[in-house]
Every structure is written in C-alpha cells, then in structure tokens.
Protein backbone atom coordinates (compact mmCIF):
# COMPACT_ATOMS: atom_id res chain seq x y z
CA MET A 1 90.08 99.88 94.17
CA GLY A 2 90.36 100.81 90.51
CA ALA A 3 92.86 103.09 88.83
CA PRO A 4 93.49 105.39 91.83
CA GLY A 5 94.28 102.43 94.06
CA THR A 6 96.59 100.91 91.46
CA ALA A 7 98.44 104.21 91.07
CA LEU A 8 98.72 104.58 94.82
CA ALA A 9 100.05 101.05 95.31
CA THR A 10 102.53 101.41 92.46
CA GLY A 11 103.81 104.69 93.86
CA LEU A 12 104.10 103.22 97.33
CA ILE A 13 106.15 100.24 96.19
CA THR A 14 108.38 102.40 93.97
CA ALA A 15 109.02 104.95 96.71
CA THR A 16 109.71 102.16 99.19
CA HIS A 17 112.28 100.59 96.88
CA GLN A 18 114.03 103.92 96.47
CA ALA A 19 113.97 104.92 100.14
CA THR A 20 114.88 101.61 101.80
CA PRO A 21 118.44 100.40 102.26
CA PRO A 22 119.00 97.11 100.38
CA PRO A 23 119.60 94.95 103.50
CA LEU A 24 116.18 95.94 104.88
CA LEU A 25 114.17 95.88 101.66
CA GLY A 26 112.69 92.39 102.15
CA ARG A 27 111.55 93.16 105.68
CA VAL A 28 109.99 96.48 104.72
CA LEU A 29 108.13 95.06 101.71
CA SER A 30 106.89 92.14 103.82
CA LEU A 31 105.60 94.57 106.42
CA ILE A 32 103.75 96.51 103.72
CA GLN A 33 102.11 93.33 102.45
CA VAL A 34 101.03 92.30 105.95
CA GLY A 35 99.54 95.75 106.48
CA GLU A 36 97.68 95.51 103.17
CA ALA A 37 96.29 92.07 104.03
CA LEU A 38 95.09 93.17 107.46
CA GLY A 39 93.67 96.40 106.06
CA GLN A 40 91.78 94.52 103.38
CA GLY A 41 90.17 92.15 105.88
CA VAL A 42 89.17 94.96 108.24
CA GLY A 43 88.00 97.07 105.30
CA ILE A 44 85.69 94.35 104.03
CA LEU A 45 84.07 93.95 107.43
CA VAL A 46 83.69 97.69 108.03
CA ALA A 47 82.39 98.34 104.50
CA GLY A 48 79.78 95.64 104.95
CA LEU A 49 78.56 97.23 108.17
CA LEU A 50 78.66 100.79 106.87
CA SER A 51 76.90 100.00 103.57
CA SER A 52 73.82 99.00 105.53
CA LEU A 53 73.86 102.35 107.35
CA MET A 54 74.97 104.81 104.64
CA SER A 55 74.69 105.45 100.94
CA LEU A 56 77.27 103.73 98.76
CA ASN A 57 78.10 107.07 97.09
CA VAL A 58 79.13 108.51 100.45
CA LEU A 59 81.37 105.53 101.14
CA LEU A 60 83.03 105.70 97.72
CA ASN A 61 83.66 109.43 98.12
CA ALA A 62 85.22 108.77 101.53
CA GLN A 63 87.46 106.11 99.98
CA GLY A 64 88.58 108.55 97.28
CA GLY A 65 89.31 111.14 99.95
CA CYS A 66 91.45 108.61 101.80
CA TYR A 67 93.47 107.97 98.64
CA VAL A 68 94.12 111.67 98.12
CA THR A 69 95.04 112.17 101.78
CA CYS A 70 97.46 109.23 101.73
CA ALA A 71 99.06 110.52 98.54
CA LEU A 72 99.61 113.96 100.08
CA ILE A 73 101.11 112.44 103.22
CA ALA A 74 103.42 110.29 101.09
CA LEU A 75 104.52 113.28 99.04
CA ALA A 76 105.22 115.31 102.16
CA GLY A 77 107.11 112.48 103.83
CA LEU A 78 109.20 111.52 100.84
CA ALA A 79 109.96 115.02 99.61
CA ARG A 80 113.50 115.74 100.52
CA PRO A 81 115.97 118.12 99.01
CA ARG A 82 118.10 116.55 96.36
CA ARG A 83 121.79 117.10 96.57
CA ARG A 84 123.45 118.45 93.54
CA ARG A 85 126.53 116.67 92.44
CA ILE A 86 129.30 119.08 91.86
CA THR A 87 131.79 117.84 89.37
CA ARG A 88 135.08 119.56 89.24
CA THR A 89 136.91 119.66 86.05
CA LEU A 90 140.62 119.89 86.15
CA ALA A 91 141.99 122.63 84.01
CA THR A 92 144.75 121.26 81.90
CA ALA A 93 147.59 123.49 80.92
CA PRO A 94 148.35 123.67 77.21
C-alpha cells in the first residue's frame, strides 16, 4: 500500500468525517471498514492469481492507476461550492 495508500485512506476518512451528519457517522465509518476488509481479502486472492499470469510491475502500475482514479472520483464527488458567509455590520450613528 505504501505512502499513496496511506494518503488516500487518510483523505477518505477526513472527507467522510466532514461530509457525514453526526448521527450517521458511526454507521458510515463502519461501512467503510467492512468494505476495506472485504476488498483486502478479495485483493489478496486476485493478486495471487494475477501474479502468476502477469509481471509484478504491471500489477503495481495498475494499483497506482486505481489510486489516482479513486482520488479523482473523490475530488469530483466532494467538490461543492462553498457558501460565503455574509456578515452585516450595523452602522452606528455618532
């Protein structure tokens, strides 16, 4: 996984905390962890099969491409216009 995976996971958890309403935060984070656990198990099995058929360099480049693709999808999905807070100051008469 390395540094790109760590950065991706950190960004995912941070964005999830910011985007999820507090009453649902535990459920959403639990769902993410279940998805990670299932993905890891499937990934180990698939990587074992594919490493006997392909070069390891090809597999690592594909993994890196998946990280970049996921990051772009996350940026596109979480990018939303920020509202500007307009503060009105009351003019006080001298």
